[in-house]
Amino acid sequence: MNYNLITILGPTAVGKTRLAAEIAFAFNGEIISADSRQVYRKLNIGTGKDYDDYVVNGVQIPSHLVDVVDLPKEYNLFNFYKSFFQVFTSIKNREKEAILCGGSGLYLSSVIQNYDLKEIENTDSLEQELKLKSFDELKEIYFSLVKKPHNKTDLTSKNRLIKAIIIEKSEKIIEGKTQINSFNIGVNPGREIVRRRIKARLEKRLNEGMIDEIVKLIDDGIAPERLIKLGLEYKFITEYLIGKYSKEEMTEKLYYAICAFAKRQMTWFRKMEREGVKIFWLDKPDVNAAIEILKMFYDRK
């Protein structure tokens, strides 16, 4: 098979970004982030924006879809999908390698498994019509359009259902969309190592000022409810700041929540494999091993 994308995926805290940057350096590539929270500006420590990871042998590796949205705005699967193809087309037009990197399973699947998402156009009247319907009526419409929902959060509120139906009913194809044939390399050192890395990273981030980062966001006018919605670090630290937990309780609960998140990530990747996605797994972010695999199997489209 001829490929037109390299994807580096895996659970949190395994060194994906650095590996992707080293591969980009070796293959004249640029990185497209598939991280659902690194898109937000000012979410730095909590989302792990390790900018030094993008510097390889003194060369700054170009990266995309990091720091592109200001809170409290929302960024969702459709925003990512549309932006991905804009960036992907730009990279390919410059005859460089596109390297997708991240751990957000839904974002990765949308590209690797070629989801059929469409642009929203001229939807005001449809939106007004849908707002008059009950939640059950909206669910009935949704399931008539989507037999196997990719994102079950669409079913959690009336507003989400309305947005999902509008997307499904739209007929305008996303600009730049093309068939993706992705060569996928996964990093998974095993559950115990991942848990140890999560613990060490959490301690490091707390010492580097992660709590102060969230205090500053609240001082800048970002509502605690919006930060809690971001999950993990932003959820538990915000709840600590508003008095729900002691610092010790927050740290313990956050550690276990991140471990559970890493487990869910691996469950998602295994699901992708069951659905036919081939992933070449490494037990550590070894660039030499990754390059050898690419040299053996990666035929550029």
C-alpha atoms as a PDB file:
ATOM      1  CA  MET A   1       0.000   0.000   0.000  1.00  0.00           C
ATOM      2  CA  ASN A   2       1.091   3.567  -0.698  1.00  0.00           C
ATOM      3  CA  TYR A   3       0.788   5.812   2.353  1.00  0.00           C
ATOM      4  CA  ASN A   4       0.292   9.577   2.595  1.00  0.00           C
ATOM      5  CA  LEU A   5       0.466  10.027   6.383  1.00  0.00           C
ATOM      6  CA  ILE A   6       2.555   8.808   9.307  1.00  0.00           C
ATOM      7  CA  THR A   7       0.704   8.609  12.638  1.00  0.00           C
ATOM      8  CA  ILE A   8       2.338   8.320  16.056  1.00  0.00           C
ATOM      9  CA  LEU A   9      -0.153   7.309  18.733  1.00  0.00           C
ATOM     10  CA  GLY A  10      -0.295   5.805  22.200  1.00  0.00           C
ATOM     11  CA  PRO A  11      -1.447   6.482  25.759  1.00  0.00           C
ATOM     12  CA  THR A  12      -0.463   9.573  27.689  1.00  0.00           C
ATOM     13  CA  ALA A  13       3.060  10.060  29.094  1.00  0.00           C
ATOM     14  CA  VAL A  14       4.936   7.698  26.732  1.00  0.00           C
ATOM     15  CA  GLY A  15       6.977  10.225  24.704  1.00  0.00           C
ATOM     16  CA  LYS A  16       4.926  10.443  21.502  1.00  0.00           C
ATOM     17  CA  THR A  17       5.697  14.089  20.726  1.00  0.00           C
ATOM     18  CA  ARG A  18       9.467  13.712  20.917  1.00  0.00           C
ATOM     19  CA  LEU A  19       9.348  10.579  18.785  1.00  0.00           C
ATOM     20  CA  ALA A  20       7.193  12.343  16.181  1.00  0.00           C
ATOM     21  CA  ALA A  21       9.624  15.283  16.099  1.00  0.00           C
ATOM     22  CA  GLU A  22      12.612  12.993  15.599  1.00  0.00           C
ATOM     23  CA  ILE A  23      10.826  11.194  12.770  1.00  0.00           C
ATOM     24  CA  ALA A  24       9.883  14.546  11.241  1.00  0.00           C
ATOM     25  CA  PHE A  25      13.549  15.556  11.350  1.00  0.00           C
ATOM     26  CA  ALA A  26      14.583  12.314   9.617  1.00  0.00           C
ATOM     27  CA  PHE A  27      11.853  12.439   6.943  1.00  0.00           C
ATOM     28  CA  ASN A  28      11.574  16.201   6.272  1.00  0.00           C
ATOM     29  CA  GLY A  29       8.206  16.336   7.923  1.00  0.00           C
ATOM     30  CA  GLU A  30       5.849  18.527   9.916  1.00  0.00           C
ATOM     31  CA  ILE A  31       3.674  17.526  12.855  1.00  0.00           C
ATOM     32  CA  ILE A  32      -0.104  17.802  13.084  1.00  0.00           C
ATOM     33  CA  SER A  33      -1.274  17.514  16.696  1.00  0.00           C
ATOM     34  CA  ALA A  34      -4.247  15.277  17.513  1.00  0.00           C
ATOM     35  CA  ASP A  35      -4.647  16.501  21.088  1.00  0.00           C
ATOM     36  CA  SER A  36      -8.081  17.774  22.070  1.00  0.00           C
ATOM     37  CA  ARG A  37      -6.755  20.187  24.718  1.00  0.00           C
ATOM     38  CA  GLN A  38      -3.431  21.433  23.335  1.00  0.00           C
ATOM     39  CA  VAL A  39      -5.471  23.382  20.783  1.00  0.00           C
ATOM     40  CA  TYR A  40      -6.291  25.897  23.545  1.00  0.00           C
ATOM     41  CA  ARG A  41      -3.988  28.814  24.239  1.00  0.00           C
ATOM     42  CA  LYS A  42      -2.771  29.251  27.851  1.00  0.00           C
ATOM     43  CA  LEU A  43      -3.346  25.564  28.671  1.00  0.00           C
ATOM     44  CA  ASN A  44       0.363  24.856  28.795  1.00  0.00           C
ATOM     45  CA  ILE A  45       1.578  22.876  31.793  1.00  0.00           C
ATOM     46  CA  GLY A  46      -1.639  20.927  32.269  1.00  0.00           C
ATOM     47  CA  THR A  47      -1.744  19.742  28.658  1.00  0.00           C
ATOM     48  CA  GLY A  48       1.978  19.020  28.449  1.00  0.00           C
ATOM     49  CA  LYS A  49       3.025  21.482  25.779  1.00  0.00           C
ATOM     50  CA  ASP A  50       6.690  20.571  25.915  1.00  0.00           C
ATOM     51  CA  TYR A  51       7.904  22.959  23.235  1.00  0.00           C
ATOM     52  CA  ASP A  52      11.499  21.767  23.605  1.00  0.00           C
ATOM     53  CA  ASP A  53      10.390  18.384  22.243  1.00  0.00           C
ATOM     54  CA  TYR A  54       9.977  20.013  18.840  1.00  0.00           C
ATOM     55  CA  VAL A  55      13.648  21.030  18.638  1.00  0.00           C
ATOM     56  CA  VAL A  56      15.827  18.264  17.144  1.00  0.00           C
ATOM     57  CA  ASN A  57      19.542  18.814  16.597  1.00  0.00           C
ATOM     58  CA  GLY A  58      18.954  22.531  16.846  1.00  0.00           C
ATOM     59  CA  VAL A  59      16.173  22.476  14.241  1.00  0.00           C
ATOM     60  CA  GLN A  60      12.657  23.660  15.144  1.00  0.00           C
ATOM     61  CA  ILE A  61      10.208  21.111  13.736  1.00  0.00           C
ATOM     62  CA  PRO A  62       7.039  22.831  12.460  1.00  0.00           C
ATOM     63  CA  SER A  63       3.897  21.841  14.355  1.00  0.00           C
ATOM     64  CA  HIS A  64       0.234  22.562  13.732  1.00  0.00           C
ATOM     65  CA  LEU A  65      -3.086  22.648  15.652  1.00  0.00           C
ATOM     66  CA  VAL A  66      -1.455  23.658  18.933  1.00  0.00           C
ATOM     67  CA  ASP A  67      -2.429  27.038  20.459  1.00  0.00           C
ATOM     68  CA  VAL A  68      -5.164  27.850  17.927  1.00  0.00           C
ATOM     69  CA  VAL A  69      -8.242  28.585  20.100  1.00  0.00           C
ATOM     70  CA  ASP A  70      -8.925  30.894  23.043  1.00  0.00           C
ATOM     71  CA  LEU A  71     -11.046  29.794  25.979  1.00  0.00           C
ATOM     72  CA  PRO A  72     -13.933  29.772  26.673  1.00  0.00           C
ATOM     73  CA  LYS A  73     -14.586  28.825  23.023  1.00  0.00           C
ATOM     74  CA  GLU A  74     -15.335  25.189  22.268  1.00  0.00           C
ATOM     75  CA  TYR A  75     -13.232  23.024  19.942  1.00  0.00           C
ATOM     76  CA  ASN A  76     -14.672  19.716  18.804  1.00  0.00           C
ATOM     77  CA  LEU A  77     -14.171  16.782  16.449  1.00  0.00           C
ATOM     78  CA  PHE A  78     -15.539  18.658  13.462  1.00  0.00           C
ATOM     79  CA  ASN A  79     -13.239  21.646  14.074  1.00  0.00           C
ATOM     80  CA  PHE A  80     -10.260  19.291  14.239  1.00  0.00           C
ATOM     81  CA  TYR A  81     -11.303  17.327  11.150  1.00  0.00           C
ATOM     82  CA  LYS A  82     -11.710  20.433   9.034  1.00  0.00           C
ATOM     83  CA  SER A  83      -8.440  21.956  10.275  1.00  0.00           C
ATOM     84  CA  PHE A  84      -6.551  18.705   9.746  1.00  0.00           C
ATOM     85  CA  PHE A  85      -7.240  18.651   6.013  1.00  0.00           C
ATOM     86  CA  GLN A  86      -6.331  22.308   5.604  1.00  0.00           C
ATOM     87  CA  VAL A  87      -2.956  21.692   7.253  1.00  0.00           C
ATOM     88  CA  PHE A  88      -2.441  18.316   5.566  1.00  0.00           C
ATOM     89  CA  THR A  89      -2.985  19.829   2.114  1.00  0.00           C
ATOM     90  CA  SER A  90      -0.565  22.666   2.885  1.00  0.00           C
ATOM     91  CA  ILE A  91       2.149  20.255   4.038  1.00  0.00           C
ATOM     92  CA  LYS A  92       1.741  18.025   0.982  1.00  0.00           C
ATOM     93  CA  ASN A  93       1.786  21.012  -1.371  1.00  0.00           C
ATOM     94  CA  ARG A  94       5.211  21.862   0.047  1.00  0.00           C
ATOM     95  CA  GLU A  95       6.319  18.269  -0.653  1.00  0.00           C
ATOM     96  CA  LYS A  96       6.933  17.504   2.997  1.00  0.00           C
ATOM     97  CA  GLU A  97       5.890  14.530   5.106  1.00  0.00           C
ATOM     98  CA  ALA A  98       2.764  14.892   7.256  1.00  0.00           C
ATOM     99  CA  ILE A  99       3.017  13.311  10.711  1.00  0.00           C
ATOM    100  CA  LEU A 100      -0.088  13.086  12.884  1.00  0.00           C
ATOM    101  CA  CYS A 101       0.679  12.744  16.589  1.00  0.00           C
ATOM    102  CA  GLY A 102      -1.524  12.418  19.652  1.00  0.00           C
ATOM    103  CA  GLY A 103      -3.609  10.369  21.996  1.00  0.00           C
ATOM    104  CA  SER A 104      -7.157  11.644  21.443  1.00  0.00           C
ATOM    105  CA  GLY A 105      -8.721   8.475  20.066  1.00  0.00           C
ATOM    106  CA  LEU A 106     -11.718  10.061  18.384  1.00  0.00           C
ATOM    107  CA  TYR A 107      -9.590  12.666  16.594  1.00  0.00           C
ATOM    108  CA  LEU A 108      -7.127  10.014  15.419  1.00  0.00           C
ATOM    109  CA  SER A 109      -9.890   7.661  14.265  1.00  0.00           C
ATOM    110  CA  SER A 110     -11.635  10.391  12.289  1.00  0.00           C
ATOM    111  CA  VAL A 111      -8.553  10.739  10.084  1.00  0.00           C
ATOM    112  CA  ILE A 112      -7.096   7.221  10.051  1.00  0.00           C
ATOM    113  CA  GLN A 113     -10.486   5.583   9.481  1.00  0.00           C
ATOM    114  CA  ASN A 114     -11.695   8.240   7.037  1.00  0.00           C
ATOM    115  CA  TYR A 115     -14.861   9.368   8.812  1.00  0.00           C
ATOM    116  CA  ASP A 116     -17.449  10.967   6.555  1.00  0.00           C
ATOM    117  CA  LEU A 117     -17.802  14.403   8.165  1.00  0.00           C
ATOM    118  CA  LYS A 118     -19.113  17.338   6.135  1.00  0.00           C
ATOM    119  CA  GLU A 119     -19.043  21.130   6.274  1.00  0.00           C
ATOM    120  CA  ILE A 120     -21.963  23.061   7.801  1.00  0.00           C
ATOM    121  CA  GLU A 121     -23.648  25.471   5.390  1.00  0.00           C
ATOM    122  CA  ASN A 122     -26.875  27.532   5.437  1.00  0.00           C
ATOM    123  CA  THR A 123     -28.249  25.889   8.556  1.00  0.00           C
ATOM    124  CA  ASP A 124     -30.115  28.681  10.343  1.00  0.00           C
ATOM    125  CA  SER A 125     -33.598  27.548   9.325  1.00  0.00           C
ATOM    126  CA  LEU A 126     -32.809  23.897  10.057  1.00  0.00           C
ATOM    127  CA  GLU A 127     -31.506  24.816  13.501  1.00  0.00           C
ATOM    128  CA  GLN A 128     -34.676  26.761  14.327  1.00  0.00           C
ATOM    129  CA  GLU A 129     -36.802  23.822  13.162  1.00  0.00           C
ATOM    130  CA  LEU A 130     -34.842  21.345  15.293  1.00  0.00           C
ATOM    131  CA  LYS A 131     -35.058  23.527  18.411  1.00  0.00           C
ATOM    132  CA  LEU A 132     -38.854  23.071  18.363  1.00  0.00           C
ATOM    133  CA  LYS A 133     -38.542  19.284  18.638  1.00  0.00           C
ATOM    134  CA  SER A 134     -38.305  17.225  21.814  1.00  0.00           C
ATOM    135  CA  PHE A 135     -35.158  15.409  22.916  1.00  0.00           C
ATOM    136  CA  ASP A 136     -36.686  12.041  21.944  1.00  0.00           C
ATOM    137  CA  GLU A 137     -37.690  13.360  18.510  1.00  0.00           C
ATOM    138  CA  LEU A 138     -34.139  14.616  17.968  1.00  0.00           C
ATOM    139  CA  LYS A 139     -32.714  11.223  18.933  1.00  0.00           C
ATOM    140  CA  GLU A 140     -35.010   9.536  16.437  1.00  0.00           C
ATOM    141  CA  ILE A 141     -33.807  11.894  13.671  1.00  0.00           C
ATOM    142  CA  TYR A 142     -30.180  11.383  14.692  1.00  0.00           C
ATOM    143  CA  PHE A 143     -30.376   7.582  14.589  1.00  0.00           C
ATOM    144  CA  SER A 144     -32.085   7.718  11.200  1.00  0.00           C
ATOM    145  CA  LEU A 145     -28.963   9.507   9.937  1.00  0.00           C
ATOM    146  CA  VAL A 146     -26.247   7.746  11.959  1.00  0.00           C
ATOM    147  CA  LYS A 147     -26.427   3.989  12.394  1.00  0.00           C
ATOM    148  CA  LYS A 148     -23.189   3.671  14.398  1.00  0.00           C
ATOM    149  CA  PRO A 149     -22.421   6.902  16.277  1.00  0.00           C
ATOM    150  CA  HIS A 150     -18.695   7.704  16.562  1.00  0.00           C
ATOM    151  CA  ASN A 151     -19.183  10.212  19.366  1.00  0.00           C
ATOM    152  CA  LYS A 152     -21.692   9.221  22.039  1.00  0.00           C
ATOM    153  CA  THR A 153     -21.400  12.635  23.716  1.00  0.00           C
ATOM    154  CA  ASP A 154     -23.679  13.856  20.911  1.00  0.00           C
ATOM    155  CA  LEU A 155     -26.487  12.143  22.850  1.00  0.00           C
ATOM    156  CA  THR A 156     -25.893  13.945  26.152  1.00  0.00           C
ATOM    157  CA  SER A 157     -27.809  17.159  25.484  1.00  0.00           C
ATOM    158  CA  LYS A 158     -30.324  18.712  23.134  1.00  0.00           C
ATOM    159  CA  ASN A 159     -27.830  21.280  21.833  1.00  0.00           C
ATOM    160  CA  ARG A 160     -25.261  18.601  21.012  1.00  0.00           C
ATOM    161  CA  LEU A 161     -27.892  16.545  19.202  1.00  0.00           C
ATOM    162  CA  ILE A 162     -28.958  19.543  17.145  1.00  0.00           C
ATOM    163  CA  LYS A 163     -25.359  20.261  16.107  1.00  0.00           C
ATOM    164  CA  ALA A 164     -24.779  16.609  15.235  1.00  0.00           C
ATOM    165  CA  ILE A 165     -27.929  16.452  13.093  1.00  0.00           C
ATOM    166  CA  ILE A 166     -26.973  19.652  11.264  1.00  0.00           C
ATOM    167  CA  ILE A 167     -23.561  18.187  10.425  1.00  0.00           C
ATOM    168  CA  GLU A 168     -25.109  14.946   9.171  1.00  0.00           C
ATOM    169  CA  LYS A 169     -27.678  16.751   7.030  1.00  0.00           C
ATOM    170  CA  SER A 170     -25.117  19.069   5.454  1.00  0.00           C
ATOM    171  CA  GLU A 171     -23.986  18.177   1.954  1.00  0.00           C
ATOM    172  CA  LYS A 172     -20.916  20.381   1.490  1.00  0.00           C
ATOM    173  CA  ILE A 173     -17.728  18.303   1.469  1.00  0.00           C
ATOM    174  CA  ILE A 174     -14.835  19.640   3.556  1.00  0.00           C
ATOM    175  CA  GLU A 175     -12.333  21.561   1.461  1.00  0.00           C
ATOM    176  CA  GLY A 176      -9.136  19.625   0.828  1.00  0.00           C
ATOM    177  CA  LYS A 177     -10.556  16.321   2.059  1.00  0.00           C
ATOM    178  CA  THR A 178      -8.820  13.320   0.560  1.00  0.00           C
ATOM    179  CA  GLN A 179      -8.507   9.610   1.222  1.00  0.00           C
ATOM    180  CA  ILE A 180      -6.006   9.004   4.013  1.00  0.00           C
ATOM    181  CA  ASN A 181      -3.780   5.940   4.050  1.00  0.00           C
ATOM    182  CA  SER A 182      -1.966   6.203   7.349  1.00  0.00           C
ATOM    183  CA  PHE A 183       1.087   4.247   8.482  1.00  0.00           C
ATOM    184  CA  ASN A 184       0.602   3.918  12.221  1.00  0.00           C
ATOM    185  CA  ILE A 185       3.263   3.509  14.896  1.00  0.00           C
ATOM    186  CA  GLY A 186       2.126   3.081  18.491  1.00  0.00           C
ATOM    187  CA  VAL A 187       4.117   3.457  21.697  1.00  0.00           C
ATOM    188  CA  ASN A 188       3.037   1.337  24.668  1.00  0.00           C
ATOM    189  CA  PRO A 189       5.610   0.364  27.300  1.00  0.00           C
ATOM    190  CA  GLY A 190       2.991  -1.463  29.373  1.00  0.00           C
ATOM    191  CA  ARG A 191       0.582  -0.434  32.101  1.00  0.00           C
ATOM    192  CA  GLU A 192       2.989  -0.386  35.062  1.00  0.00           C
ATOM    193  CA  ILE A 193       5.583   1.736  33.267  1.00  0.00           C
ATOM    194  CA  VAL A 194       2.887   4.102  32.044  1.00  0.00           C
ATOM    195  CA  ARG A 195       1.561   4.477  35.599  1.00  0.00           C
ATOM    196  CA  ARG A 196       5.052   5.268  36.904  1.00  0.00           C
ATOM    197  CA  ARG A 197       5.573   7.829  34.163  1.00  0.00           C
ATOM    198  CA  ILE A 198       2.197   9.410  34.922  1.00  0.00           C
ATOM    199  CA  LYS A 199       3.077   9.712  38.605  1.00  0.00           C
ATOM    200  CA  ALA A 200       6.495  11.262  37.911  1.00  0.00           C
ATOM    201  CA  ARG A 201       5.063  13.647  35.328  1.00  0.00           C
ATOM    202  CA  LEU A 202       2.241  14.752  37.622  1.00  0.00           C
ATOM    203  CA  GLU A 203       4.697  15.568  40.418  1.00  0.00           C
ATOM    204  CA  LYS A 204       6.876  17.487  37.950  1.00  0.00           C
ATOM    205  CA  ARG A 205       3.963  19.531  36.617  1.00  0.00           C
ATOM    206  CA  LEU A 206       2.713  20.396  40.092  1.00  0.00           C
ATOM    207  CA  ASN A 207       6.216  21.569  41.005  1.00  0.00           C
ATOM    208  CA  GLU A 208       6.422  23.604  37.778  1.00  0.00           C
ATOM    209  CA  GLY A 209       3.342  25.678  38.614  1.00  0.00           C
ATOM    210  CA  MET A 210       0.354  23.824  37.167  1.00  0.00           C
ATOM    211  CA  ILE A 211      -1.878  25.053  40.003  1.00  0.00           C
ATOM    212  CA  ASP A 212      -0.752  28.645  39.437  1.00  0.00           C
ATOM    213  CA  GLU A 213      -1.564  28.255  35.734  1.00  0.00           C
ATOM    214  CA  ILE A 214      -5.160  27.405  36.579  1.00  0.00           C
ATOM    215  CA  VAL A 215      -5.420  30.194  39.167  1.00  0.00           C
ATOM    216  CA  LYS A 216      -4.335  32.619  36.435  1.00  0.00           C
ATOM    217  CA  LEU A 217      -6.997  31.286  34.042  1.00  0.00           C
ATOM    218  CA  ILE A 218      -9.696  31.859  36.665  1.00  0.00           C
ATOM    219  CA  ASP A 219      -8.298  35.334  37.421  1.00  0.00           C
ATOM    220  CA  ASP A 220      -8.476  36.055  33.676  1.00  0.00           C
ATOM    221  CA  GLY A 221     -12.195  35.369  33.732  1.00  0.00           C
ATOM    222  CA  ILE A 222     -12.463  31.731  32.659  1.00  0.00           C
ATOM    223  CA  ALA A 223     -15.346  30.233  34.629  1.00  0.00           C
ATOM    224  CA  PRO A 224     -14.501  27.262  36.872  1.00  0.00           C
ATOM    225  CA  GLU A 225     -17.292  25.307  35.173  1.00  0.00           C
ATOM    226  CA  ARG A 226     -15.545  25.696  31.809  1.00  0.00           C
ATOM    227  CA  LEU A 227     -12.228  24.501  33.232  1.00  0.00           C
ATOM    228  CA  ILE A 228     -13.878  21.517  34.927  1.00  0.00           C
ATOM    229  CA  LYS A 229     -15.348  20.569  31.559  1.00  0.00           C
ATOM    230  CA  LEU A 230     -11.801  20.236  30.169  1.00  0.00           C
ATOM    231  CA  GLY A 231     -11.253  17.249  32.445  1.00  0.00           C
ATOM    232  CA  LEU A 232      -8.266  15.715  34.235  1.00  0.00           C
ATOM    233  CA  GLU A 233      -5.767  18.352  35.467  1.00  0.00           C
ATOM    234  CA  TYR A 234      -8.130  21.267  34.876  1.00  0.00           C
ATOM    235  CA  LYS A 235     -11.097  19.510  36.465  1.00  0.00           C
ATOM    236  CA  PHE A 236      -9.430  18.279  39.658  1.00  0.00           C
ATOM    237  CA  ILE A 237      -7.253  21.316  40.307  1.00  0.00           C
ATOM    238  CA  THR A 238     -10.192  23.661  39.773  1.00  0.00           C
ATOM    239  CA  GLU A 239     -12.269  21.574  42.185  1.00  0.00           C
ATOM    240  CA  TYR A 240      -9.394  21.800  44.689  1.00  0.00           C
ATOM    241  CA  LEU A 241      -9.281  25.578  44.257  1.00  0.00           C
ATOM    242  CA  ILE A 242     -13.013  25.941  44.934  1.00  0.00           C
ATOM    243  CA  GLY A 243     -12.671  23.856  48.088  1.00  0.00           C
ATOM    244  CA  LYS A 244     -14.017  20.473  47.040  1.00  0.00           C
ATOM    245  CA  TYR A 245     -10.777  18.609  47.862  1.00  0.00           C
ATOM    246  CA  SER A 246      -7.652  19.070  49.904  1.00  0.00           C
ATOM    247  CA  LYS A 247      -4.416  19.236  47.913  1.00  0.00           C
ATOM    248  CA  GLU A 248      -3.544  15.679  48.898  1.00  0.00           C
ATOM    249  CA  GLU A 249      -6.989  14.377  47.877  1.00  0.00           C
ATOM    250  CA  MET A 250      -6.794  16.261  44.599  1.00  0.00           C
ATOM    251  CA  THR A 251      -3.368  14.852  43.762  1.00  0.00           C
ATOM    252  CA  GLU A 252      -4.415  11.283  44.487  1.00  0.00           C
ATOM    253  CA  LYS A 253      -7.700  11.525  42.592  1.00  0.00           C
ATOM    254  CA  LEU A 254      -5.993  13.198  39.631  1.00  0.00           C
ATOM    255  CA  TYR A 255      -3.318  10.500  39.461  1.00  0.00           C
ATOM    256  CA  TYR A 256      -5.915   7.717  39.349  1.00  0.00           C
ATOM    257  CA  ALA A 257      -8.021   9.641  36.818  1.00  0.00           C
ATOM    258  CA  ILE A 258      -5.038  10.004  34.464  1.00  0.00           C
ATOM    259  CA  CYS A 259      -4.258   6.297  34.824  1.00  0.00           C
ATOM    260  CA  ALA A 260      -7.865   5.471  33.965  1.00  0.00           C
ATOM    261  CA  PHE A 261      -7.637   7.804  30.984  1.00  0.00           C
ATOM    262  CA  ALA A 262      -4.513   5.999  29.721  1.00  0.00           C
ATOM    263  CA  LYS A 263      -6.375   2.705  30.024  1.00  0.00           C
ATOM    264  CA  ARG A 264      -9.289   4.090  27.999  1.00  0.00           C
ATOM    265  CA  GLN A 265      -6.861   5.282  25.332  1.00  0.00           C
ATOM    266  CA  MET A 266      -5.463   1.778  24.925  1.00  0.00           C
ATOM    267  CA  THR A 267      -8.997   0.360  24.809  1.00  0.00           C
ATOM    268  CA  TRP A 268      -9.756   2.753  21.957  1.00  0.00           C
ATOM    269  CA  PHE A 269      -6.602   1.784  20.032  1.00  0.00           C
ATOM    270  CA  ARG A 270      -7.407  -1.921  20.434  1.00  0.00           C
ATOM    271  CA  LYS A 271     -10.876  -1.180  19.078  1.00  0.00           C
ATOM    272  CA  MET A 272      -9.284   0.487  16.047  1.00  0.00           C
ATOM    273  CA  GLU A 273      -7.180  -2.638  15.505  1.00  0.00           C
ATOM    274  CA  ARG A 274     -10.265  -4.862  15.674  1.00  0.00           C
ATOM    275  CA  GLU A 275     -11.799  -2.638  13.012  1.00  0.00           C
ATOM    276  CA  GLY A 276      -8.848  -3.272  10.685  1.00  0.00           C
ATOM    277  CA  VAL A 277      -6.358  -0.504  11.538  1.00  0.00           C
ATOM    278  CA  LYS A 278      -2.774  -1.807  11.470  1.00  0.00           C
ATOM    279  CA  ILE A 279      -0.567  -0.396  14.247  1.00  0.00           C
ATOM    280  CA  PHE A 280       3.146  -1.205  14.575  1.00  0.00           C
ATOM    281  CA  TRP A 281       3.732  -1.179  18.330  1.00  0.00           C
ATOM    282  CA  LEU A 282       6.968  -0.166  20.085  1.00  0.00           C
ATOM    283  CA  ASP A 283       7.609  -0.716  23.799  1.00  0.00           C
ATOM    284  CA  LYS A 284       9.431   2.630  24.042  1.00  0.00           C
ATOM    285  CA  PRO A 285       9.731   5.810  21.913  1.00  0.00           C
ATOM    286  CA  ASP A 286      12.795   4.489  20.069  1.00  0.00           C
ATOM    287  CA  VAL A 287      13.388   6.620  16.972  1.00  0.00           C
ATOM    288  CA  ASN A 288      15.863   4.167  15.452  1.00  0.00           C
ATOM    289  CA  ALA A 289      13.372   1.305  15.712  1.00  0.00           C
ATOM    290  CA  ALA A 290      10.624   3.510  14.273  1.00  0.00           C
ATOM    291  CA  ILE A 291      12.816   4.579  11.352  1.00  0.00           C
ATOM    292  CA  GLU A 292      13.729   0.958  10.601  1.00  0.00           C
ATOM    293  CA  ILE A 293      10.034   0.028  10.479  1.00  0.00           C
ATOM    294  CA  LEU A 294       9.304   2.968   8.200  1.00  0.00           C
ATOM    295  CA  LYS A 295      12.175   2.066   5.875  1.00  0.00           C
ATOM    296  CA  MET A 296      10.854  -1.478   5.594  1.00  0.00           C
ATOM    297  CA  PHE A 297       7.160  -0.790   5.107  1.00  0.00           C
ATOM    298  CA  TYR A 298       6.470   2.874   4.343  1.00  0.00           C
ATOM    299  CA  ASP A 299       5.880   3.549   0.654  1.00  0.00           C
ATOM    300  CA  ARG A 300       5.131   7.225   0.194  1.00  0.00           C
ATOM    301  CA  LYS A 301       2.086   8.060  -1.874  1.00  0.00           C
END
